[in-house]
Protein backbone atom coordinates (compact mmCIF):
# COMPACT_ATOMS: atom_id res chain seq x y z
CA MET A 1 -0.08 0.14 -0.03
CA PHE A 2 2.73 2.37 0.69
CA PRO A 3 5.95 3.35 -1.24
CA LYS A 4 9.16 1.70 -0.16
CA ALA A 5 12.43 3.81 0.42
CA PRO A 6 16.21 2.49 1.41
CA ASP A 7 17.22 2.54 5.07
CA ILE A 8 20.50 3.87 3.98
CA HIS A 9 21.86 3.08 7.54
CA LYS A 10 21.41 -0.42 7.56
CA PRO A 11 23.57 -3.23 5.64
CA ASN A 12 22.36 -3.70 2.16
CA LYS A 13 19.96 -0.50 2.50
CA PRO A 14 16.51 -3.00 2.98
CA LEU A 15 13.38 -1.16 1.46
CA ILE A 16 11.12 0.06 4.25
CA PRO A 17 7.31 1.43 3.78
CA ASN A 18 7.36 5.03 3.85
CA GLY A 19 4.59 7.66 4.41
CA LEU A 20 3.19 6.05 7.42
CA GLY A 21 2.54 9.39 8.91
CA ILE A 22 -0.87 9.48 6.83
CA VAL A 23 -2.18 6.99 9.67
CA TYR A 24 -1.09 9.83 12.20
CA VAL A 25 -3.12 12.37 10.10
CA ILE A 26 -6.18 10.35 9.72
CA ALA A 27 -6.75 8.74 13.26
CA SER A 28 -5.77 12.28 14.85
CA THR A 29 -8.26 14.33 12.94
CA THR A 30 -10.83 11.81 13.02
CA TYR A 31 -10.44 11.97 16.81
CA LEU A 32 -10.39 15.74 17.10
CA PHE A 33 -13.55 15.94 14.89
CA LEU A 34 -15.06 13.58 17.26
CA LEU A 35 -14.16 15.87 20.14
CA TYR A 36 -15.55 18.89 18.27
CA TYR A 37 -19.04 17.02 17.84
CA PHE A 38 -19.46 15.74 21.35
CA GLN A 39 -17.64 18.62 23.10
CA PRO A 40 -16.53 17.14 26.55
CA ALA A 41 -15.00 19.15 28.98
CA GLY A 42 -11.45 20.87 28.12
CA VAL A 43 -12.73 21.16 24.53
CA ASP A 44 -15.87 23.36 24.74
CA ALA A 45 -16.10 25.83 21.68
CA VAL A 46 -15.91 29.67 22.72
CA ASN A 47 -16.84 32.57 20.62
CA ASN A 48 -17.54 29.95 18.15
CA VAL A 49 -14.07 28.72 18.06
CA SER A 50 -13.25 25.52 18.80
CA GLY A 51 -9.78 24.31 19.64
CA ALA A 52 -10.34 20.79 18.77
CA LEU A 53 -11.40 21.84 15.35
CA THR A 54 -8.47 24.37 15.04
CA LEU A 55 -5.91 21.74 15.56
CA ALA A 56 -7.51 19.25 13.36
CA VAL A 57 -7.41 21.94 10.42
CA CYS A 58 -3.61 22.19 11.54
CA VAL A 59 -3.02 18.44 11.51
CA LEU A 60 -4.62 18.25 8.34
CA PHE A 61 -2.52 20.79 6.93
CA GLY A 62 0.81 19.47 7.82
CA GLY A 63 -0.02 16.12 6.67
CA PHE A 64 -0.96 17.61 3.03
CA MET A 65 2.12 19.94 3.52
CA GLY A 66 4.44 16.70 4.23
CA LEU A 67 2.46 14.55 1.44
CA LEU A 68 3.16 17.15 -1.17
CA ASP A 69 6.66 17.27 -0.07
CA ASP A 70 7.00 13.53 -0.34
CA TRP A 71 5.29 13.28 -4.11
CA MET A 72 7.24 16.24 -5.43
CA ASP A 73 10.59 16.95 -3.14
CA LEU A 74 10.04 20.56 -2.88
CA ARG A 75 12.83 23.01 -2.76
CA TRP A 76 13.34 24.37 1.51
CA ARG A 77 12.83 27.85 -0.26
CA TYR A 78 9.22 27.04 -0.88
CA LYS A 79 8.19 24.68 1.88
CA ALA A 80 9.74 26.56 4.42
CA PHE A 81 7.01 29.24 4.24
CA PHE A 82 4.12 27.12 3.90
CA PRO A 83 3.47 26.89 7.69
CA LEU A 84 2.30 30.40 7.48
CA ILE A 85 -1.06 29.42 5.85
CA ALA A 86 -1.76 26.95 8.59
CA ALA A 87 -1.18 29.87 11.37
CA LEU A 88 -4.46 31.64 10.03
CA PRO A 89 -6.89 29.11 12.41
CA LEU A 90 -4.55 29.81 15.20
CA ILE A 91 -4.58 33.52 14.67
CA THR A 92 -8.27 33.51 14.80
CA LEU A 93 -8.45 31.24 17.77
CA ALA A 94 -5.78 33.12 20.04
CA ILE A 95 -7.90 36.51 19.22
CA ARG A 96 -11.39 34.95 19.45
CA LEU A 97 -10.54 33.36 22.99
CA GLY A 98 -8.53 36.44 24.06
CA LEU A 99 -5.00 34.35 24.57
CA ARG A 100 -2.20 36.14 26.57
CA THR A 101 -0.05 38.33 24.05
CA SER A 102 2.82 37.76 26.39
CA LEU A 103 5.94 35.90 26.32
CA ALA A 104 8.42 34.68 29.21
CA THR A 105 12.08 35.64 27.97
CA VAL A 106 15.51 34.96 29.65
CA LEU A 107 16.98 38.58 29.30
CA PHE A 108 14.07 40.58 29.26
CA GLY A 109 11.46 39.02 31.65
CA THR A 110 7.88 38.82 30.35
CA VAL A 111 7.21 40.83 27.26
CA ASP A 112 3.68 41.56 25.83
CA PHE A 113 3.53 41.96 22.19
CA GLY A 114 0.02 43.01 22.10
CA VAL A 115 -1.40 42.78 18.49
CA ALA A 116 2.22 41.85 17.01
CA TYR A 117 1.86 38.47 18.93
CA TYR A 118 -1.16 37.49 16.57
CA PHE A 119 0.53 38.46 13.43
CA GLY A 120 3.85 38.00 14.09
CA ILE A 121 4.66 35.86 16.98
CA ILE A 122 2.37 32.96 16.26
CA PRO A 123 3.31 32.50 12.38
CA LEU A 124 6.83 32.49 13.65
CA ILE A 125 6.25 29.85 16.23
CA VAL A 126 4.48 27.74 13.64
CA THR A 127 7.01 28.23 10.96
CA ILE A 128 9.99 27.37 13.14
CA THR A 129 8.57 24.75 15.13
CA THR A 130 7.18 22.73 11.80
CA ASN A 131 10.53 23.35 9.78
CA THR A 132 13.01 22.46 12.77
CA VAL A 133 11.16 19.18 13.52
CA ASN A 134 11.39 18.26 9.99
CA GLN A 135 15.04 18.93 9.71
CA LEU A 136 16.00 16.59 12.61
CA GLY A 137 15.62 13.51 11.01
CA GLY A 138 17.37 10.79 9.00
CA LEU A 139 17.54 8.02 11.56
CA ASN A 140 15.06 5.59 12.66
CA GLY A 141 13.18 6.88 15.57
CA LEU A 142 14.72 10.05 15.54
CA GLU A 143 11.73 12.13 13.92
CA THR A 144 9.20 10.04 15.83
CA VAL A 145 10.63 9.53 19.49
CA CYS A 146 11.65 12.83 20.06
CA PRO A 147 8.31 14.77 19.26
CA ALA A 148 6.64 12.51 21.19
CA ILE A 149 8.80 13.22 24.46
CA ILE A 150 7.50 16.80 23.70
CA ILE A 151 3.89 16.12 23.15
CA THR A 152 4.06 14.25 26.79
CA GLY A 153 5.65 16.98 28.53
CA LEU A 154 3.19 19.68 27.11
CA MET A 155 0.23 17.42 27.83
CA PHE A 156 1.46 17.27 31.53
CA VAL A 157 1.11 21.16 32.22
CA ALA A 158 -1.50 21.67 29.73
CA GLY A 159 -4.60 20.60 32.18
CA GLU A 160 -7.85 19.89 30.54
CA ARG A 161 -6.82 20.75 27.03
CA ALA A 162 -4.51 17.57 27.45
CA ILE A 163 -7.49 15.42 25.94
CA LEU A 164 -6.83 16.93 22.56
CA LEU A 165 -3.78 14.80 22.27
CA TYR A 166 -4.87 11.40 23.91
CA VAL A 167 -5.45 9.41 20.73
CA PRO A 168 -2.80 11.66 18.62
CA LEU A 169 -0.07 10.44 21.02
CA VAL A 170 -1.04 6.64 21.39
CA VAL A 171 -0.93 6.57 17.60
CA TRP A 172 2.29 8.18 17.43
CA LEU A 173 3.81 6.37 19.99
CA LEU A 174 3.00 3.01 17.86
CA LEU A 175 4.13 5.10 14.77
CA ALA A 176 7.55 5.57 16.66
CA PHE A 177 8.14 1.96 18.29
CA LEU A 178 7.96 0.72 14.59
CA ASN A 179 9.91 3.36 13.27
CA PHE A 180 12.76 3.08 15.90
CA ARG A 181 12.64 -0.84 15.13
CA GLY A 182 13.21 0.20 11.74
CA ARG A 183 10.01 -1.13 10.26
CA ILE A 184 8.36 1.93 8.94
CA PHE A 185 9.47 5.49 7.99
CA VAL A 186 6.54 8.11 8.79
CA GLY A 187 8.07 10.23 5.88
CA ASN A 188 7.70 14.24 5.60
CA THR A 189 3.93 13.64 5.89
CA GLY A 190 4.35 12.51 9.27
CA SER A 191 7.17 15.03 10.66
CA PHE A 192 5.27 18.30 9.10
CA ALA A 193 2.03 16.92 10.96
CA ILE A 194 3.52 16.27 14.14
CA GLY A 195 5.61 19.60 13.82
CA MET A 196 2.11 21.34 13.33
CA THR A 197 0.60 19.24 16.13
CA LEU A 198 3.22 20.81 18.46
CA SER A 199 3.14 24.40 17.53
CA ALA A 200 -0.76 24.15 17.32
CA PHE A 201 -1.13 22.71 20.61
CA ALA A 202 0.94 24.83 22.49
CA ILE A 203 -0.75 28.08 21.21
CA ILE A 204 -4.11 26.47 21.94
CA SER A 205 -3.15 25.58 25.60
CA ASP A 206 -1.15 28.98 25.85
CA LEU A 207 2.29 27.17 26.49
CA LYS A 208 4.43 28.61 23.86
CA THR A 209 7.26 29.39 26.30
CA SER A 210 7.55 25.96 27.38
CA LEU A 211 7.42 24.84 23.24
CA ILE A 212 10.32 27.16 22.85
CA ILE A 213 12.38 25.71 25.86
CA ALA A 214 11.80 21.87 24.72
CA LEU A 215 12.37 22.90 21.01
CA LEU A 216 16.19 23.92 21.94
CA PRO A 217 17.93 21.01 20.47
CA TYR A 218 15.93 21.37 17.46
CA VAL A 219 16.80 25.13 16.97
CA LEU A 220 20.30 24.23 17.69
CA ASN A 221 20.32 21.58 14.92
CA SER A 222 18.67 23.82 12.51
CA SER A 223 21.07 26.76 13.20
CA LEU A 224 24.33 24.49 12.51
CA ILE A 225 22.15 23.02 9.29
CA LEU A 226 21.46 26.38 7.86
CA LEU A 227 24.61 28.48 9.05
CA THR A 228 26.92 25.88 7.19
CA TYR A 229 24.85 25.78 4.36
CA PHE A 230 24.59 29.72 3.62
CA ILE A 231 28.23 30.53 4.77
CA LEU A 232 30.08 27.20 3.89
CA ARG A 233 27.81 25.98 1.00
CA ARG A 234 27.88 22.21 2.56
CA ARG A 235 25.71 19.95 3.65
CA ALA A 236 25.50 18.04 6.93
CA ALA A 237 26.41 14.10 6.05
CA VAL A 238 27.19 11.10 8.24
CA PHE A 239 29.11 8.20 7.15
CA PHE A 240 27.99 4.52 7.73
CA ASP A 241 30.83 1.83 7.37
CA GLY A 242 28.37 -1.23 7.58
CA GLU A 243 28.11 -0.99 11.28
CA ARG A 244 28.19 2.48 12.76
CA LEU A 245 27.99 5.89 12.11
CA SER A 246 30.80 8.62 12.30
CA SER A 247 31.45 12.13 11.00
CA ASP A 248 34.23 14.54 10.25
CA HIS A 249 32.48 17.68 10.54
CA ILE A 250 29.91 19.39 12.53
CA ARG A 251 27.32 20.60 10.58
CA SER A 252 24.02 19.38 12.46
CA LEU A 253 23.14 17.72 15.70
CA VAL A 254 23.92 14.15 14.44
CA THR A 255 27.17 15.41 13.07
CA LEU A 256 28.21 16.96 16.38
CA ILE A 257 27.52 14.08 18.23
CA THR A 258 29.48 11.47 15.84
CA TYR A 259 32.04 13.77 15.23
CA LYS A 260 35.09 11.64 15.24
CA ARG A 261 33.10 8.87 17.07
CA ARG A 262 31.87 5.61 15.95
CA LEU A 263 28.18 4.82 17.16
CA THR A 264 25.37 2.79 16.15
CA GLU A 265 22.04 4.49 14.76
CA ARG A 266 20.16 3.66 17.93
CA GLN A 267 23.05 5.29 20.20
CA VAL A 268 22.91 8.57 18.63
CA VAL A 269 18.85 8.45 18.60
CA VAL A 270 19.08 7.58 22.30
CA TYR A 271 21.74 10.48 22.98
CA ILE A 272 19.51 12.92 21.08
CA SER A 273 16.40 11.58 22.69
CA LEU A 274 18.11 12.36 26.19
CA LEU A 275 18.81 15.90 25.05
CA VAL A 276 15.39 16.51 24.15
CA MET A 277 14.06 14.69 27.57
CA ALA A 278 16.14 17.45 29.43
CA SER A 279 14.91 20.50 27.44
CA THR A 280 11.34 19.13 27.88
CA ALA A 281 11.96 18.52 31.59
CA VAL A 282 12.87 22.22 31.91
CA ALA A 283 9.74 23.14 29.65
CA VAL A 284 7.39 21.19 32.25
CA PHE A 285 9.27 23.26 35.34
CA VAL A 286 9.02 26.34 33.69
CA GLY A 287 5.36 25.68 32.42
CA LEU A 288 4.28 24.81 35.76
CA LEU A 289 5.91 27.81 37.15
CA VAL A 290 4.22 30.19 34.57
CA VAL A 291 0.82 28.54 35.45
């Protein structure tokens, strides 16, 4: 049913079913539409705006954007700005619900952005989150386990809003288990959909500061990739000798960890997952303080 892609970090490069992220999109949106219909506690529609319906729209758009990329292999210069369109329902929701327009910062304390929060900060959060999550991949489990950690952390401090991600988290954990074992790839369909899920849920639940902290390893990875590409005009790459990964440069988070070190694919994924777990723990602590 699904197209297959080679697992380049395995001996003989076996072909693995790709694009299983569509399962997450279908299951999550179905669940969210049902929540919108039944409207249990935590998902009530306020001022004709529903958090469940808004999140469903964002997940659908993320999945469509990833599916389009899987089909057409879009250049980054085009797909990097696609999430801006998906920010429109979130802007509407934030305005209708009167969400806080302030953001806690390290250097300047809590800054109130006013109207600029709706039309500047929200699109920025959506774009950065979706693209950074999509960029941290390439190893079995890396693009699924790490987002699952962040989702769990956000749900822990989201209160009643956590109900929005009960089924999405279970489905994503199942895909993460299969992906980590090298049985499936979620593809860009999955990575863009989960990136949209993170940004949309954080905005709906008013947890943008926690999201930003949890995403720090992702931001580091994207910064390394973009700086080396635009300055040195070189791309990050790891070398596979048939058993282990290694690199002779530092151009991404993966190459930083494997720099002049021979590590297995699973070891690299575990190390990066621990980094994300640490940043998420700090994010949860900050989220509890803010609440």
